[in-house]
Structure formats: structure tokens, C-alpha cells
Amino acid sequence: MLNSAWRAALCVLTGIGLTVAAVPAASADDVTECADHTICTGVHDPGSTGAPTGGGSGGGDSGSDTCAWNGEQVPCWRDDLGWFSEGCYYRLADPQPLESEDVWDGKTAKDGAIYDRACLGNEAPGSVFLAKAPGSPPPKTPRRRAFDALGKIKIGLRTLHVAPSTDAVVGSPVWLWFDPADFTGPLSGQVKAPDYDVTTTVTLKQVIWHLDDGPAGGNRTRDVVCEDAGTPFTPGGTPSCSHTFTATSAQMADHAFTVRVSLLWRVTARTSTNVDIDMADFTWRTDLADPVLRIPVNEVQVLN
């Protein structure tokens, strides 16, 4: 039932440092958000249920609320683990197991759902049936909305160029560039919400050309990092992005070196209420599987 992401989250959970001598078995009656023996703290609107209200950024965001358990403070909600209740975190299992599996104990989806459970202590993680969820997920933070908007950005097809493309020689620079007009940015994606929208924008930061002429051969990759899309070839000009091959491609497949490209993007985000979202620690990378260039490289023979 537990997927790899959930298992990785459990590794984080075990680092909290809490120990629980015994965690009571969960049932549909005693699992509520924070439950009876914990204390939820935080600022809520009048009449709220104490649900976590958002907080940090990135994977594993925690709510701004904390729950007290055995004298320690833990988040009442974690994006990677779910709701906290009576010493355990509960997250809706996705996908849900077949109703013929034992974990349902005769119940069906009409009665409730199966939740993955991870407890603060030595109890092994597992799954449990609950008639209702312990609580409600907190609203998404602006930064998490920014990542949602990032997922809406599409990088269109591009045309890669090298020069010379058919008669490159050892020791002479090969120009590298691509047509930048439609995809070096700025490119933007947007998500809308009742309270505010978020627009995420990316601009090209670096271009990495992956060439399989690495040291000692053996198809090892050599990365050429350029600060822009490169300049189109002009006779007598100077390339802003180039690579000089030090060996021929005679031993390579099809007698040519292979070139692939990755793009690194600078990411910014802003809300519709004109608030900047801090994305300075994040660089978006897109690896282009296609197109792939092949460059035959020859060696000049000098006659005395």
C-alpha cells in the first residue's frame, strides 16, 4: 500500500525525535484532528475548527498550527504525511485498495476510506479504515501555488544548430546555438483561486549542451555550459557558445558525436495582489530528449 514517496516521508518522520511507548489502535470513532490528548495552537477565525492554515514552502510544508504530544510540538498537518491525531499522521491512501482486501474489514467506500498511517514511535507504518478524515488540508501557500503555475508552462519545440554540421574537424571550434524566439522566455503559467491568482514566470538562465566526447572516450558525456542561446554562425564571427573536439568521431556510432540539450530557467512568481513570492532558491531544469543532433568530426591530414 505504501508508495515510495510515502516511505521517504517516513524517514523524515523518524527524525522528529519523539518516542511513544504505545499508540492506541485507530478506529473510526477516536481519530479526529489533533484528537483528545493533543493541543492545537495557532490563530483561527472565530468559529473555525482549528484546521491548520498553511505555512512553509516546498515539499513537506507544515501548517502554521502545531500540536502538542508527550510534551513535544509537532505540525498538526504535513503535506507529506497528512493530519496528526493521537501520536500518528494519517493520509488518504491513493490509490484506494480493493474492497476485497483485509484492511477494509468488511467495510466499503460508502462507509469511509483507507488512510496510510505513520506514528511517532517504533510502530510500523500501515493502513487503517476511517469513517471520516481527521481534518481538512490547509489552504495552499503562495509558493505551492507558484509551483502549480509552473507546471502549466509548456516549452515548445525548438531547432538546434551547429556549424560546421558536416565537416567539423578536430581542434576547430564548433558553433552551438538554437532559435530562441519562442522559448527562451519570459514564459508564464497561471493558477486562479477565489482569493488571489498566482503567475509564475521563467526566463532562460543557462543552456547545457551534452556531448558524448567525454574524457577517455567510452561515450562519457561532456557538458558545455553556455549563458545564452548562442549566436548564429557568421563567417569570421565569434561564437558565444562553442565546443572544440579533441578527437575524431570515427569510433562512435554512425561515426558521429551525439548532442543533447538541457535548459536551466530562472523562476519568479507574483500574486494578483502584487506580492512577490520568493523563488530565489529554485532553478527549473528541462531536459530535451528531442531533437538530438549528430556531429561527424574528422581529423585534418597535413601533407608535407
C-alpha atoms as a PDB file:
ATOM      1  CA  MET A   1       0.000   0.000   0.000  1.00  0.00           C
ATOM      2  CA  LEU A   2       2.769   2.461   0.888  1.00  0.00           C
ATOM      3  CA  ASN A   3       4.345   4.055  -2.170  1.00  0.00           C
ATOM      4  CA  SER A   4       7.979   5.191  -2.398  1.00  0.00           C
ATOM      5  CA  ALA A   5       7.199   8.848  -1.693  1.00  0.00           C
ATOM      6  CA  TRP A   6       5.316   7.888   1.454  1.00  0.00           C
ATOM      7  CA  ARG A   7       8.181   5.664   2.611  1.00  0.00           C
ATOM      8  CA  ALA A   8      10.629   8.524   2.059  1.00  0.00           C
ATOM      9  CA  ALA A   9       8.403  10.769   4.143  1.00  0.00           C
ATOM     10  CA  LEU A  10       8.525   8.229   6.949  1.00  0.00           C
ATOM     11  CA  CYS A  11      12.297   8.598   7.007  1.00  0.00           C
ATOM     12  CA  VAL A  12      11.749  12.292   7.750  1.00  0.00           C
ATOM     13  CA  LEU A  13       9.181  11.449  10.387  1.00  0.00           C
ATOM     14  CA  THR A  14      11.583   9.217  12.289  1.00  0.00           C
ATOM     15  CA  GLY A  15      13.964  12.146  12.567  1.00  0.00           C
ATOM     16  CA  ILE A  16      11.500  14.182  14.649  1.00  0.00           C
ATOM     17  CA  GLY A  17      12.971  12.555  17.736  1.00  0.00           C
ATOM     18  CA  LEU A  18       9.760  11.637  19.526  1.00  0.00           C
ATOM     19  CA  THR A  19       9.119   8.287  21.122  1.00  0.00           C
ATOM     20  CA  VAL A  20       5.757   6.853  22.029  1.00  0.00           C
ATOM     21  CA  ALA A  21       5.590   3.864  24.301  1.00  0.00           C
ATOM     22  CA  ALA A  22       2.243   2.757  22.923  1.00  0.00           C
ATOM     23  CA  VAL A  23      -0.008   4.200  20.281  1.00  0.00           C
ATOM     24  CA  PRO A  24      -3.648   3.242  20.641  1.00  0.00           C
ATOM     25  CA  ALA A  25      -5.185   1.426  17.689  1.00  0.00           C
ATOM     26  CA  ALA A  26      -7.098   3.815  15.470  1.00  0.00           C
ATOM     27  CA  SER A  27     -10.798   3.452  14.902  1.00  0.00           C
ATOM     28  CA  ALA A  28     -13.411   5.494  13.102  1.00  0.00           C
ATOM     29  CA  ASP A  29     -14.512   6.917  16.487  1.00  0.00           C
ATOM     30  CA  ASP A  30     -11.273   8.163  18.052  1.00  0.00           C
ATOM     31  CA  VAL A  31      -9.387   9.702  15.134  1.00  0.00           C
ATOM     32  CA  THR A  32     -10.002  13.420  14.892  1.00  0.00           C
ATOM     33  CA  GLU A  33      -7.704  16.262  14.071  1.00  0.00           C
ATOM     34  CA  CYS A  34      -5.246  16.506  16.978  1.00  0.00           C
ATOM     35  CA  ALA A  35      -7.645  14.283  18.954  1.00  0.00           C
ATOM     36  CA  ASP A  36      -8.347  14.382  22.680  1.00  0.00           C
ATOM     37  CA  HIS A  37      -4.849  14.230  24.142  1.00  0.00           C
ATOM     38  CA  THR A  38      -3.195  16.870  21.971  1.00  0.00           C
ATOM     39  CA  ILE A  39      -3.438  20.631  21.962  1.00  0.00           C
ATOM     40  CA  CYS A  40      -3.741  22.555  18.697  1.00  0.00           C
ATOM     41  CA  THR A  41      -2.278  26.042  18.775  1.00  0.00           C
ATOM     42  CA  GLY A  42      -2.453  28.824  16.224  1.00  0.00           C
ATOM     43  CA  VAL A  43      -4.585  31.736  15.121  1.00  0.00           C
ATOM     44  CA  HIS A  44      -8.023  30.887  13.732  1.00  0.00           C
ATOM     45  CA  ASP A  45     -11.028  32.817  12.609  1.00  0.00           C
ATOM     46  CA  PRO A  46     -13.990  32.780  15.007  1.00  0.00           C
ATOM     47  CA  GLY A  47     -15.855  29.511  14.721  1.00  0.00           C
ATOM     48  CA  SER A  48     -13.025  27.688  12.945  1.00  0.00           C
ATOM     49  CA  THR A  49     -12.343  24.061  13.737  1.00  0.00           C
ATOM     50  CA  GLY A  50      -8.655  24.510  14.389  1.00  0.00           C
ATOM     51  CA  ALA A  51      -7.620  23.200  10.973  1.00  0.00           C
ATOM     52  CA  PRO A  52      -4.047  24.021  10.000  1.00  0.00           C
ATOM     53  CA  THR A  53      -3.902  27.154   7.876  1.00  0.00           C
ATOM     54  CA  GLY A  54      -0.770  26.767   5.743  1.00  0.00           C
ATOM     55  CA  GLY A  55       2.786  27.799   6.389  1.00  0.00           C
ATOM     56  CA  GLY A  56       6.191  26.923   4.922  1.00  0.00           C
ATOM     57  CA  SER A  57       7.271  26.184   1.382  1.00  0.00           C
ATOM     58  CA  GLY A  58       8.429  23.321  -0.804  1.00  0.00           C
ATOM     59  CA  GLY A  59       7.906  19.608  -0.203  1.00  0.00           C
ATOM     60  CA  GLY A  60       6.844  18.754   3.312  1.00  0.00           C
ATOM     61  CA  ASP A  61       5.164  22.075   4.061  1.00  0.00           C
ATOM     62  CA  SER A  62       3.693  22.150   7.515  1.00  0.00           C
ATOM     63  CA  GLY A  63       0.694  24.063   8.716  1.00  0.00           C
ATOM     64  CA  SER A  64       1.132  27.155  10.854  1.00  0.00           C
ATOM     65  CA  ASP A  65      -0.529  25.253  13.704  1.00  0.00           C
ATOM     66  CA  THR A  66       1.327  22.891  15.975  1.00  0.00           C
ATOM     67  CA  CYS A  67       0.053  20.001  18.060  1.00  0.00           C
ATOM     68  CA  ALA A  68       1.432  19.083  21.477  1.00  0.00           C
ATOM     69  CA  TRP A  69       2.158  15.390  22.034  1.00  0.00           C
ATOM     70  CA  ASN A  70       4.031  13.982  25.043  1.00  0.00           C
ATOM     71  CA  GLY A  71       5.442  17.410  25.778  1.00  0.00           C
ATOM     72  CA  GLU A  72       6.746  17.980  22.245  1.00  0.00           C
ATOM     73  CA  GLN A  73       5.485  20.233  19.456  1.00  0.00           C
ATOM     74  CA  VAL A  74       4.725  18.684  16.058  1.00  0.00           C
ATOM     75  CA  PRO A  75       2.904  20.091  12.997  1.00  0.00           C
ATOM     76  CA  CYS A  76      -0.822  19.364  13.020  1.00  0.00           C
ATOM     77  CA  TRP A  77      -0.627  18.954   9.243  1.00  0.00           C
ATOM     78  CA  ARG A  78       2.212  17.898   6.976  1.00  0.00           C
ATOM     79  CA  ASP A  79       1.852  17.801   3.208  1.00  0.00           C
ATOM     80  CA  ASP A  80       3.889  14.606   3.021  1.00  0.00           C
ATOM     81  CA  LEU A  81       2.221  12.778   5.954  1.00  0.00           C
ATOM     82  CA  GLY A  82      -1.254  14.237   6.423  1.00  0.00           C
ATOM     83  CA  TRP A  83      -3.207  15.025   9.608  1.00  0.00           C
ATOM     84  CA  PHE A  84      -1.873  14.459  13.124  1.00  0.00           C
ATOM     85  CA  SER A  85      -4.043  12.645  15.679  1.00  0.00           C
ATOM     86  CA  GLU A  86      -3.121  10.804  18.861  1.00  0.00           C
ATOM     87  CA  GLY A  87       0.539  10.336  18.041  1.00  0.00           C
ATOM     88  CA  CYS A  88       0.074   9.363  14.379  1.00  0.00           C
ATOM     89  CA  TYR A  89      -0.211  11.022  10.992  1.00  0.00           C
ATOM     90  CA  TYR A  90      -2.969   9.938   8.612  1.00  0.00           C
ATOM     91  CA  ARG A  91      -3.068  10.466   4.860  1.00  0.00           C
ATOM     92  CA  LEU A  92      -5.712   9.290   2.395  1.00  0.00           C
ATOM     93  CA  ALA A  93      -4.321   6.257   0.570  1.00  0.00           C
ATOM     94  CA  ASP A  94      -4.007   6.844  -3.156  1.00  0.00           C
ATOM     95  CA  PRO A  95      -4.996   4.667  -4.868  1.00  0.00           C
ATOM     96  CA  GLN A  96      -7.514   3.106  -2.533  1.00  0.00           C
ATOM     97  CA  PRO A  97      -7.094  -0.691  -2.100  1.00  0.00           C
ATOM     98  CA  LEU A  98      -9.636  -3.105  -3.494  1.00  0.00           C
ATOM     99  CA  GLU A  99     -12.592  -3.555  -1.181  1.00  0.00           C
ATOM    100  CA  SER A 100     -11.842  -7.277  -1.101  1.00  0.00           C
ATOM    101  CA  GLU A 101      -8.604  -6.614   0.824  1.00  0.00           C
ATOM    102  CA  ASP A 102      -8.485  -7.315   4.562  1.00  0.00           C
ATOM    103  CA  VAL A 103      -7.757  -3.702   5.514  1.00  0.00           C
ATOM    104  CA  TRP A 104     -11.406  -2.826   4.792  1.00  0.00           C
ATOM    105  CA  ASP A 105     -12.566  -5.320   7.451  1.00  0.00           C
ATOM    106  CA  GLY A 106     -15.911  -5.752   5.733  1.00  0.00           C
ATOM    107  CA  LYS A 107     -16.472  -2.030   5.164  1.00  0.00           C
ATOM    108  CA  THR A 108     -16.891  -0.360   1.763  1.00  0.00           C
ATOM    109  CA  ALA A 109     -16.203   3.033   0.232  1.00  0.00           C
ATOM    110  CA  LYS A 110     -19.723   4.050   1.242  1.00  0.00           C
ATOM    111  CA  ASP A 111     -18.665   3.696   4.877  1.00  0.00           C
ATOM    112  CA  GLY A 112     -15.373   5.613   4.710  1.00  0.00           C
ATOM    113  CA  ALA A 113     -11.873   5.299   3.256  1.00  0.00           C
ATOM    114  CA  ILE A 114      -8.445   3.777   3.835  1.00  0.00           C
ATOM    115  CA  TYR A 115      -5.683   6.000   5.226  1.00  0.00           C
ATOM    116  CA  ASP A 116      -1.934   5.468   5.395  1.00  0.00           C
ATOM    117  CA  ARG A 117      -0.781   5.825   8.989  1.00  0.00           C
ATOM    118  CA  ALA A 118       2.672   6.742  10.319  1.00  0.00           C
ATOM    119  CA  CYS A 119       3.153   7.016  14.082  1.00  0.00           C
ATOM    120  CA  LEU A 120       5.695   8.815  16.239  1.00  0.00           C
ATOM    121  CA  GLY A 121       7.447   5.834  17.713  1.00  0.00           C
ATOM    122  CA  ASN A 122       8.500   2.328  16.843  1.00  0.00           C
ATOM    123  CA  GLU A 123       5.164   1.175  15.442  1.00  0.00           C
ATOM    124  CA  ALA A 124       5.486   0.051  11.829  1.00  0.00           C
ATOM    125  CA  PRO A 125       3.640   2.181   9.272  1.00  0.00           C
ATOM    126  CA  GLY A 126       0.470   0.724   7.890  1.00  0.00           C
ATOM    127  CA  SER A 127      -3.058   1.404   6.722  1.00  0.00           C
ATOM    128  CA  VAL A 128      -6.356   1.763   8.547  1.00  0.00           C
ATOM    129  CA  PHE A 129     -10.027   2.288   7.746  1.00  0.00           C
ATOM    130  CA  LEU A 130     -11.598   5.565   8.940  1.00  0.00           C
ATOM    131  CA  ALA A 131     -15.199   6.619   8.578  1.00  0.00           C
ATOM    132  CA  LYS A 132     -14.133  10.226   8.066  1.00  0.00           C
ATOM    133  CA  ALA A 133     -10.909  12.190   7.625  1.00  0.00           C
ATOM    134  CA  PRO A 134      -9.201  13.532  10.758  1.00  0.00           C
ATOM    135  CA  GLY A 135      -9.299  17.076   9.310  1.00  0.00           C
ATOM    136  CA  SER A 136      -9.095  19.199   6.189  1.00  0.00           C
ATOM    137  CA  PRO A 137      -5.903  20.030   4.278  1.00  0.00           C
ATOM    138  CA  PRO A 138      -4.766  23.619   4.781  1.00  0.00           C
ATOM    139  CA  PRO A 139      -5.073  26.150   2.000  1.00  0.00           C
ATOM    140  CA  LYS A 140      -2.122  26.108  -0.374  1.00  0.00           C
ATOM    141  CA  THR A 141       0.638  28.580   0.368  1.00  0.00           C
ATOM    142  CA  PRO A 142       1.527  31.143  -2.317  1.00  0.00           C
ATOM    143  CA  ARG A 143       4.738  29.241  -3.054  1.00  0.00           C
ATOM    144  CA  ARG A 144       2.930  25.956  -3.594  1.00  0.00           C
ATOM    145  CA  ARG A 145       0.516  27.721  -5.924  1.00  0.00           C
ATOM    146  CA  ALA A 146       3.571  29.079  -7.732  1.00  0.00           C
ATOM    147  CA  PHE A 147       4.756  25.513  -8.356  1.00  0.00           C
ATOM    148  CA  ASP A 148       1.285  24.613  -9.638  1.00  0.00           C
ATOM    149  CA  ALA A 149       1.527  27.522 -12.084  1.00  0.00           C
ATOM    150  CA  LEU A 150       5.000  26.390 -13.114  1.00  0.00           C
ATOM    151  CA  GLY A 151       3.531  23.051 -14.151  1.00  0.00           C
ATOM    152  CA  LYS A 152       1.339  24.871 -16.689  1.00  0.00           C
ATOM    153  CA  ILE A 153       4.301  26.278 -18.624  1.00  0.00           C
ATOM    154  CA  LYS A 154       4.971  24.435 -21.867  1.00  0.00           C
ATOM    155  CA  ILE A 155       8.343  24.535 -23.583  1.00  0.00           C
ATOM    156  CA  GLY A 156       7.701  24.389 -27.312  1.00  0.00           C
ATOM    157  CA  LEU A 157       9.674  22.604 -29.988  1.00  0.00           C
ATOM    158  CA  ARG A 158      12.974  24.148 -30.912  1.00  0.00           C
ATOM    159  CA  THR A 159      15.563  23.843 -33.657  1.00  0.00           C
ATOM    160  CA  LEU A 160      19.162  23.159 -32.668  1.00  0.00           C
ATOM    161  CA  HIS A 161      22.042  24.260 -34.860  1.00  0.00           C
ATOM    162  CA  VAL A 162      25.751  23.553 -35.123  1.00  0.00           C
ATOM    163  CA  ALA A 163      28.295  24.885 -37.585  1.00  0.00           C
ATOM    164  CA  PRO A 164      30.008  23.295 -39.297  1.00  0.00           C
ATOM    165  CA  SER A 165      27.459  20.498 -39.243  1.00  0.00           C
ATOM    166  CA  THR A 166      29.023  18.002 -41.650  1.00  0.00           C
ATOM    167  CA  ASP A 167      32.691  18.859 -41.953  1.00  0.00           C
ATOM    168  CA  ALA A 168      33.747  19.683 -38.380  1.00  0.00           C
ATOM    169  CA  VAL A 169      37.405  18.982 -37.642  1.00  0.00           C
ATOM    170  CA  VAL A 170      39.464  18.263 -34.554  1.00  0.00           C
ATOM    171  CA  GLY A 171      40.850  21.411 -32.940  1.00  0.00           C
ATOM    172  CA  SER A 172      38.458  23.847 -34.606  1.00  0.00           C
ATOM    173  CA  PRO A 173      35.522  25.375 -32.654  1.00  0.00           C
ATOM    174  CA  VAL A 174      32.031  24.151 -33.493  1.00  0.00           C
ATOM    175  CA  TRP A 175      29.340  26.787 -33.041  1.00  0.00           C
ATOM    176  CA  LEU A 176      26.315  25.784 -30.920  1.00  0.00           C
ATOM    177  CA  TRP A 177      23.029  27.698 -30.949  1.00  0.00           C
ATOM    178  CA  PHE A 178      19.282  27.417 -31.298  1.00  0.00           C
ATOM    179  CA  ASP A 179      16.400  29.606 -32.403  1.00  0.00           C
ATOM    180  CA  PRO A 180      15.461  31.431 -29.186  1.00  0.00           C
ATOM    181  CA  ALA A 181      12.440  33.483 -30.147  1.00  0.00           C
ATOM    182  CA  ASP A 182       9.681  31.152 -28.944  1.00  0.00           C
ATOM    183  CA  PHE A 183      11.087  29.595 -25.802  1.00  0.00           C
ATOM    184  CA  THR A 184      13.894  31.487 -24.065  1.00  0.00           C
ATOM    185  CA  GLY A 185      11.258  33.376 -22.154  1.00  0.00           C
ATOM    186  CA  PRO A 186       9.787  35.019 -20.432  1.00  0.00           C
ATOM    187  CA  LEU A 187       7.188  32.255 -20.408  1.00  0.00           C
ATOM    188  CA  SER A 188       4.393  32.247 -17.846  1.00  0.00           C
ATOM    189  CA  GLY A 189       1.796  29.973 -16.296  1.00  0.00           C
ATOM    190  CA  GLN A 190      -1.076  30.947 -14.031  1.00  0.00           C
ATOM    191  CA  VAL A 191      -3.368  29.350 -11.477  1.00  0.00           C
ATOM    192  CA  LYS A 192      -6.581  31.006 -10.354  1.00  0.00           C
ATOM    193  CA  ALA A 193      -8.158  30.840  -6.918  1.00  0.00           C
ATOM    194  CA  PRO A 194     -11.053  32.632  -5.207  1.00  0.00           C
ATOM    195  CA  ASP A 195      -8.760  34.745  -3.010  1.00  0.00           C
ATOM    196  CA  TYR A 196      -5.869  35.513  -5.386  1.00  0.00           C
ATOM    197  CA  ASP A 197      -4.204  34.242  -8.546  1.00  0.00           C
ATOM    198  CA  VAL A 198      -0.529  33.329  -8.917  1.00  0.00           C
ATOM    199  CA  THR A 199       1.546  33.816 -12.066  1.00  0.00           C
ATOM    200  CA  THR A 200       4.892  32.050 -12.386  1.00  0.00           C
ATOM    201  CA  THR A 201       7.378  33.257 -14.996  1.00  0.00           C
ATOM    202  CA  VAL A 202      10.559  31.620 -16.256  1.00  0.00           C
ATOM    203  CA  THR A 203      13.440  33.133 -18.222  1.00  0.00           C
ATOM    204  CA  LEU A 204      16.385  31.265 -19.664  1.00  0.00           C
ATOM    205  CA  LYS A 205      19.340  31.152 -17.281  1.00  0.00           C
ATOM    206  CA  GLN A 206      21.788  28.678 -18.830  1.00  0.00           C
ATOM    207  CA  VAL A 207      21.954  26.140 -21.640  1.00  0.00           C
ATOM    208  CA  ILE A 208      23.779  22.839 -21.117  1.00  0.00           C
ATOM    209  CA  TRP A 209      24.921  21.012 -24.245  1.00  0.00           C
ATOM    210  CA  HIS A 210      25.599  17.346 -23.501  1.00  0.00           C
ATOM    211  CA  LEU A 211      28.200  15.846 -25.857  1.00  0.00           C
ATOM    212  CA  ASP A 212      29.382  12.243 -25.758  1.00  0.00           C
ATOM    213  CA  ASP A 213      33.058  13.022 -26.365  1.00  0.00           C
ATOM    214  CA  GLY A 214      33.990  12.991 -22.682  1.00  0.00           C
ATOM    215  CA  PRO A 215      37.497  12.292 -21.353  1.00  0.00           C
ATOM    216  CA  ALA A 216      38.862   8.826 -22.088  1.00  0.00           C
ATOM    217  CA  GLY A 217      36.081   8.163 -24.586  1.00  0.00           C
ATOM    218  CA  GLY A 218      33.689   5.359 -23.800  1.00  0.00           C
ATOM    219  CA  ASN A 219      30.686   7.579 -24.602  1.00  0.00           C
ATOM    220  CA  ARG A 220      31.250   9.612 -21.468  1.00  0.00           C
ATOM    221  CA  THR A 221      29.320  12.858 -21.516  1.00  0.00           C
ATOM    222  CA  ARG A 222      30.982  16.251 -21.552  1.00  0.00           C
ATOM    223  CA  ASP A 223      28.798  19.210 -20.567  1.00  0.00           C
ATOM    224  CA  VAL A 224      29.281  22.575 -22.216  1.00  0.00           C
ATOM    225  CA  VAL A 225      27.505  25.298 -20.221  1.00  0.00           C
ATOM    226  CA  CYS A 226      26.522  28.488 -22.059  1.00  0.00           C
ATOM    227  CA  GLU A 227      24.903  31.610 -20.669  1.00  0.00           C
ATOM    228  CA  ASP A 228      22.572  32.186 -23.621  1.00  0.00           C
ATOM    229  CA  ALA A 229      21.019  30.518 -26.643  1.00  0.00           C
ATOM    230  CA  GLY A 230      24.189  31.063 -28.652  1.00  0.00           C
ATOM    231  CA  THR A 231      24.779  33.198 -31.725  1.00  0.00           C
ATOM    232  CA  PRO A 232      24.037  32.056 -35.285  1.00  0.00           C
ATOM    233  CA  PHE A 233      27.100  31.287 -37.364  1.00  0.00           C
ATOM    234  CA  THR A 234      28.612  34.094 -39.405  1.00  0.00           C
ATOM    235  CA  PRO A 235      31.882  33.762 -41.380  1.00  0.00           C
ATOM    236  CA  GLY A 236      34.668  35.439 -39.430  1.00  0.00           C
ATOM    237  CA  GLY A 237      32.444  35.900 -36.383  1.00  0.00           C
ATOM    238  CA  THR A 238      32.954  34.841 -32.765  1.00  0.00           C
ATOM    239  CA  PRO A 239      30.555  32.300 -31.181  1.00  0.00           C
ATOM    240  CA  SER A 240      29.085  32.951 -27.752  1.00  0.00           C
ATOM    241  CA  CYS A 241      28.688  29.185 -27.315  1.00  0.00           C
ATOM    242  CA  SER A 242      31.012  26.624 -28.887  1.00  0.00           C
ATOM    243  CA  HIS A 243      32.915  23.404 -28.327  1.00  0.00           C
ATOM    244  CA  THR A 244      36.261  22.218 -29.649  1.00  0.00           C
ATOM    245  CA  PHE A 245      36.520  18.481 -30.234  1.00  0.00           C
ATOM    246  CA  THR A 246      39.867  16.893 -29.420  1.00  0.00           C
ATOM    247  CA  ALA A 247      39.276  13.557 -31.152  1.00  0.00           C
ATOM    248  CA  THR A 248      37.514  12.287 -34.232  1.00  0.00           C
ATOM    249  CA  SER A 249      34.152  10.593 -34.142  1.00  0.00           C
ATOM    250  CA  ALA A 250      35.424   7.624 -36.148  1.00  0.00           C
ATOM    251  CA  GLN A 251      34.860   5.207 -33.252  1.00  0.00           C
ATOM    252  CA  MET A 252      31.351   6.466 -32.412  1.00  0.00           C
ATOM    253  CA  ALA A 253      28.042   5.024 -33.579  1.00  0.00           C
ATOM    254  CA  ASP A 254      27.340   6.262 -37.106  1.00  0.00           C
ATOM    255  CA  HIS A 255      30.780   7.928 -36.918  1.00  0.00           C
ATOM    256  CA  ALA A 256      29.277  10.988 -35.223  1.00  0.00           C
ATOM    257  CA  PHE A 257      29.089  12.546 -31.786  1.00  0.00           C
ATOM    258  CA  THR A 258      25.633  12.970 -30.236  1.00  0.00           C
ATOM    259  CA  VAL A 259      24.408  16.279 -28.811  1.00  0.00           C
ATOM    260  CA  ARG A 260      21.506  16.780 -26.405  1.00  0.00           C
ATOM    261  CA  VAL A 261      20.407  19.893 -24.573  1.00  0.00           C
ATOM    262  CA  SER A 262      19.112  20.849 -21.126  1.00  0.00           C
ATOM    263  CA  LEU A 263      17.757  24.274 -20.236  1.00  0.00           C
ATOM    264  CA  LEU A 264      18.026  25.949 -16.834  1.00  0.00           C
ATOM    265  CA  TRP A 265      15.378  28.558 -16.077  1.00  0.00           C
ATOM    266  CA  ARG A 266      15.257  31.407 -13.568  1.00  0.00           C
ATOM    267  CA  VAL A 267      11.886  31.313 -11.806  1.00  0.00           C
ATOM    268  CA  THR A 268       9.886  34.232 -10.411  1.00  0.00           C
ATOM    269  CA  ALA A 269       6.308  34.367  -9.165  1.00  0.00           C
ATOM    270  CA  ARG A 270       3.823  37.023  -8.179  1.00  0.00           C
ATOM    271  CA  THR A 271       0.292  37.106  -6.833  1.00  0.00           C
ATOM    272  CA  SER A 272      -2.570  39.059  -8.369  1.00  0.00           C
ATOM    273  CA  THR A 273      -2.385  41.241  -5.255  1.00  0.00           C
ATOM    274  CA  ASN A 274       1.113  42.358  -6.359  1.00  0.00           C
ATOM    275  CA  VAL A 275       3.036  40.339  -3.779  1.00  0.00           C
ATOM    276  CA  ASP A 276       6.301  38.750  -4.904  1.00  0.00           C
ATOM    277  CA  ILE A 277       6.785  35.081  -3.968  1.00  0.00           C
ATOM    278  CA  ASP A 278      10.336  34.121  -3.017  1.00  0.00           C
ATOM    279  CA  MET A 279      11.579  31.566  -5.561  1.00  0.00           C
ATOM    280  CA  ALA A 280      15.246  32.592  -5.462  1.00  0.00           C
ATOM    281  CA  ASP A 281      16.387  29.174  -4.196  1.00  0.00           C
ATOM    282  CA  PHE A 282      14.768  27.285  -7.065  1.00  0.00           C
ATOM    283  CA  THR A 283      16.069  26.706 -10.610  1.00  0.00           C
ATOM    284  CA  TRP A 284      13.856  24.839 -13.065  1.00  0.00           C
ATOM    285  CA  ARG A 285      15.555  22.355 -15.406  1.00  0.00           C
ATOM    286  CA  THR A 286      14.041  20.953 -18.579  1.00  0.00           C
ATOM    287  CA  ASP A 287      15.826  18.106 -20.349  1.00  0.00           C
ATOM    288  CA  LEU A 288      15.135  17.942 -24.045  1.00  0.00           C
ATOM    289  CA  ALA A 289      15.019  14.397 -25.315  1.00  0.00           C
ATOM    290  CA  ASP A 290      14.414  15.651 -28.859  1.00  0.00           C
ATOM    291  CA  PRO A 291      15.756  16.881 -31.108  1.00  0.00           C
ATOM    292  CA  VAL A 292      19.138  15.194 -30.979  1.00  0.00           C
ATOM    293  CA  LEU A 293      21.997  16.376 -33.155  1.00  0.00           C
ATOM    294  CA  ARG A 294      24.760  14.207 -34.538  1.00  0.00           C
ATOM    295  CA  ILE A 295      28.097  15.808 -35.457  1.00  0.00           C
ATOM    296  CA  PRO A 296      30.684  13.922 -37.516  1.00  0.00           C
ATOM    297  CA  VAL A 297      34.175  15.153 -36.611  1.00  0.00           C
ATOM    298  CA  ASN A 298      37.163  14.458 -38.816  1.00  0.00           C
ATOM    299  CA  GLU A 299      40.867  14.962 -38.439  1.00  0.00           C
ATOM    300  CA  VAL A 300      42.759  17.186 -40.834  1.00  0.00           C
ATOM    301  CA  GLN A 301      45.670  15.439 -42.546  1.00  0.00           C
ATOM    302  CA  VAL A 302      48.594  17.722 -43.250  1.00  0.00           C
ATOM    303  CA  LEU A 303      50.838  16.816 -46.187  1.00  0.00           C
ATOM    304  CA  ASN A 304      54.484  17.853 -46.105  1.00  0.00           C
END
